[in-house]
Amino acid sequence: MKIVLGSSSEIRKKILASLGYQFEVIKPEINEKEIRFNDPEKLVLEIAKVKADAIKSKISEPTIIITSDQIVLFNNQIREKPQSIAEAREMIKTAHLYPNITITSVVVTDTQNNIQISGVDKASAKCERIPEEIIEAYLATGEPLYMAGGFDIAHPLLTPYIKIISGEPESILGLPKTLTQKLLKQIFKN
């Protein structure tokens, strides 16, 4: 059966490919800001489900759809993708103050059998203060606008400042390997 990754994230593509799956990519066209919940787990699950529905409407053959969403919980505040460079700068400048806890959902949808299963994974990264010149160089890449919390622990400019990772690094990057593999195995059993 065809597998579709519902994400334009290069990192998610690399993680899913590392699991050995052949897939195509369809970018879900949704407005994530229209979906609001105070509960971080409910928020990421609902956004991933809406992404799956958006992709489902674009396909006609039996397909397994994998969607995901992530937020960063920072001092009990939800941080999504920054809306501006100024917001990204502030997120990165303050990132050392508290652990950056990622809450990442994975939703796997089998369109043939009309089955959808999901899960949430949590991981965290603690970093030291990132120097201004490194922040500005990273902001110049434009990448912070595509990352929950504004930064990528695997980016070469930032990696030296990441001190403690708890949980799967892939979860922090946007697609937890263990959870994704578990959900796919469950779907393929059906």
Protein backbone atom coordinates (compact mmCIF):
# COMPACT_ATOMS: atom_id res chain seq x y z
CA MET A 1 0.00 0.00 0.00
CA LYS A 2 1.18 3.52 -0.78
CA ILE A 3 2.59 5.55 2.14
CA VAL A 4 2.32 9.34 2.26
CA LEU A 5 4.15 11.59 4.68
CA GLY A 6 2.01 14.65 5.31
CA SER A 7 4.82 17.09 5.92
CA SER A 8 7.18 19.33 3.99
CA SER A 9 9.79 19.03 6.76
CA GLU A 10 13.14 17.79 5.45
CA ILE A 11 13.93 16.43 8.91
CA ARG A 12 10.75 14.36 9.06
CA LYS A 13 11.49 13.03 5.56
CA LYS A 14 14.98 11.94 6.65
CA ILE A 15 13.70 10.29 9.83
CA LEU A 16 10.97 8.33 8.03
CA ALA A 17 13.43 7.28 5.29
CA SER A 18 15.84 6.06 7.99
CA LEU A 19 13.12 3.61 9.09
CA GLY A 20 13.33 2.00 5.66
CA TYR A 21 9.98 3.07 4.23
CA GLN A 22 9.33 4.18 0.65
CA PHE A 23 6.92 7.09 0.64
CA GLU A 24 5.81 10.19 -1.14
CA VAL A 25 5.19 13.59 0.36
CA ILE A 26 2.02 15.62 0.24
CA LYS A 27 2.02 18.91 2.09
CA PRO A 28 -1.18 19.40 4.07
CA GLU A 29 -2.69 22.78 3.31
CA ILE A 30 -4.19 23.81 6.65
CA ASN A 31 -4.14 26.84 8.89
CA GLU A 32 -2.72 25.48 12.15
CA LYS A 33 -3.55 28.72 13.97
CA GLU A 34 -7.27 28.00 13.56
CA ILE A 35 -6.88 24.95 15.82
CA ARG A 36 -6.53 25.98 19.45
CA PHE A 37 -6.40 23.98 22.68
CA ASN A 38 -4.70 24.83 25.97
CA ASP A 39 -3.76 21.19 26.49
CA PRO A 40 -0.49 20.70 24.53
CA GLU A 41 -1.12 17.00 23.81
CA LYS A 42 -4.64 17.64 22.57
CA LEU A 43 -3.36 20.52 20.43
CA VAL A 44 -0.67 18.52 18.60
CA LEU A 45 -2.95 15.51 18.15
CA GLU A 46 -5.77 17.58 16.70
CA ILE A 47 -3.47 19.46 14.30
CA ALA A 48 -1.98 16.16 13.06
CA LYS A 49 -5.50 14.74 12.57
CA VAL A 50 -6.60 17.79 10.59
CA LYS A 51 -3.45 17.41 8.45
CA ALA A 52 -4.41 13.77 7.80
CA ASP A 53 -7.95 14.79 6.79
CA ALA A 54 -6.58 17.44 4.41
CA ILE A 55 -4.36 14.88 2.70
CA LYS A 56 -7.10 12.24 2.64
CA SER A 57 -9.22 14.61 0.56
CA LYS A 58 -6.42 14.79 -2.06
CA ILE A 59 -5.98 11.06 -2.67
CA SER A 60 -8.17 8.37 -4.19
CA GLU A 61 -6.20 5.13 -3.83
CA PRO A 62 -5.69 3.14 -0.60
CA THR A 63 -2.97 4.91 1.36
CA ILE A 64 -1.26 4.99 4.73
CA ILE A 65 -0.94 8.64 5.76
CA ILE A 66 1.58 9.71 8.41
CA THR A 67 1.15 13.16 9.92
CA SER A 68 2.76 14.81 12.88
CA ASP A 69 2.78 18.04 14.82
CA GLN A 70 4.97 19.46 17.54
CA ILE A 71 5.06 22.21 20.10
CA VAL A 72 7.67 23.13 22.66
CA LEU A 73 6.59 23.52 26.25
CA PHE A 74 8.84 26.16 27.81
CA ASN A 75 8.25 27.13 31.43
CA ASN A 76 4.69 25.78 31.05
CA GLN A 77 4.08 28.01 28.01
CA ILE A 78 3.35 26.59 24.55
CA ARG A 79 5.85 27.63 21.89
CA GLU A 80 4.90 26.85 18.32
CA LYS A 81 6.70 27.97 15.16
CA PRO A 82 7.67 31.63 15.55
CA GLN A 83 5.66 34.04 13.43
CA SER A 84 8.58 36.44 12.87
CA ILE A 85 12.34 36.68 13.11
CA ALA A 86 11.90 38.89 16.18
CA GLU A 87 9.83 36.19 17.90
CA ALA A 88 12.38 33.52 16.90
CA ARG A 89 15.21 35.68 18.27
CA GLU A 90 13.44 35.99 21.62
CA MET A 91 12.78 32.24 21.79
CA ILE A 92 16.41 31.39 21.07
CA LYS A 93 17.80 34.08 23.42
CA THR A 94 15.77 32.68 26.31
CA ALA A 95 16.06 28.96 25.45
CA HIS A 96 18.75 28.39 28.11
CA LEU A 97 16.50 29.48 30.97
CA TYR A 98 14.38 26.30 31.11
CA PRO A 99 14.32 22.86 29.48
CA ASN A 100 12.65 22.89 26.08
CA ILE A 101 10.15 20.03 26.30
CA THR A 102 8.89 18.84 22.93
CA ILE A 103 5.45 17.32 22.67
CA THR A 104 5.16 15.55 19.33
CA SER A 105 2.15 13.74 17.94
CA VAL A 106 2.12 11.07 15.27
CA VAL A 107 -1.11 10.09 13.53
CA VAL A 108 -1.22 7.13 11.14
CA THR A 109 -4.30 6.80 8.94
CA ASP A 110 -5.22 3.77 6.83
CA THR A 111 -7.64 5.09 4.21
CA GLN A 112 -8.59 1.63 2.92
CA ASN A 113 -9.76 0.29 6.28
CA ASN A 114 -10.77 3.69 7.68
CA ILE A 115 -8.51 3.23 10.72
CA GLN A 116 -6.63 6.00 12.46
CA ILE A 117 -4.27 5.51 15.40
CA SER A 118 -2.15 8.07 17.17
CA GLY A 119 0.24 8.74 19.97
CA VAL A 120 2.28 11.46 21.62
CA ASP A 121 5.94 11.43 22.58
CA LYS A 122 7.77 13.80 24.91
CA ALA A 123 11.45 14.61 24.98
CA SER A 124 13.49 17.55 26.17
CA ALA A 125 16.65 19.49 25.48
CA LYS A 126 18.53 21.77 27.82
CA CYS A 127 20.97 24.22 26.33
CA GLU A 128 23.42 26.79 27.59
CA ARG A 129 23.23 30.46 26.66
CA ILE A 130 23.71 30.88 22.91
CA PRO A 131 25.94 33.84 21.94
CA GLU A 132 24.31 36.74 20.07
CA GLU A 133 26.47 36.26 16.95
CA ILE A 134 25.46 32.58 16.74
CA ILE A 135 21.79 33.51 17.16
CA GLU A 136 22.03 36.10 14.38
CA ALA A 137 23.85 33.67 12.05
CA TYR A 138 21.17 31.04 12.70
CA LEU A 139 18.34 33.55 12.18
CA ALA A 140 19.91 34.49 8.83
CA THR A 141 19.30 30.92 7.60
CA GLY A 142 15.53 31.43 7.89
CA GLU A 143 15.19 27.97 9.47
CA PRO A 144 13.88 29.14 12.86
CA LEU A 145 10.53 30.06 11.30
CA TYR A 146 9.92 26.38 10.48
CA MET A 147 10.78 24.91 13.89
CA ALA A 148 8.59 24.72 16.99
CA GLY A 149 10.35 26.79 19.61
CA GLY A 150 12.49 28.41 16.93
CA PHE A 151 15.48 26.12 16.94
CA ASP A 152 16.84 22.84 15.66
CA ILE A 153 19.06 20.84 18.03
CA ALA A 154 20.80 19.25 15.04
CA HIS A 155 21.78 22.51 13.33
CA PRO A 156 25.60 22.82 13.30
CA LEU A 157 25.46 26.36 14.69
CA LEU A 158 23.40 25.28 17.71
CA THR A 159 24.62 21.74 18.44
CA PRO A 160 27.59 22.91 20.57
CA TYR A 161 25.17 24.61 22.97
CA ILE A 162 22.85 21.62 23.54
CA LYS A 163 23.92 20.08 26.84
CA ILE A 164 21.29 17.55 27.91
CA ILE A 165 18.83 15.58 25.79
CA SER A 166 16.21 13.43 27.50
CA GLY A 167 14.29 11.07 25.25
CA GLU A 168 14.70 10.39 21.54
CA PRO A 169 16.59 13.05 19.61
CA GLU A 170 14.30 12.30 16.63
CA SER A 171 11.32 13.22 18.77
CA ILE A 172 12.87 16.61 19.44
CA LEU A 173 13.56 16.94 15.71
CA GLY A 174 9.89 16.34 14.85
CA LEU A 175 9.17 12.64 14.26
CA PRO A 176 9.78 10.13 17.07
CA LYS A 177 11.16 6.94 15.52
CA THR A 178 9.95 4.50 18.17
CA LEU A 179 6.38 5.82 18.24
CA THR A 180 6.16 6.07 14.44
CA GLN A 181 7.45 2.52 13.98
CA LYS A 182 5.04 1.19 16.64
CA LEU A 183 2.02 2.86 15.02
CA LEU A 184 2.97 1.68 11.53
CA LYS A 185 3.36 -1.90 12.76
CA GLN A 186 -0.11 -1.71 14.33
CA ILE A 187 -1.62 -0.39 11.09
CA PHE A 188 0.08 -3.03 8.94
CA LYS A 189 -1.30 -5.80 11.24
CA ASN A 190 -4.86 -4.80 10.33
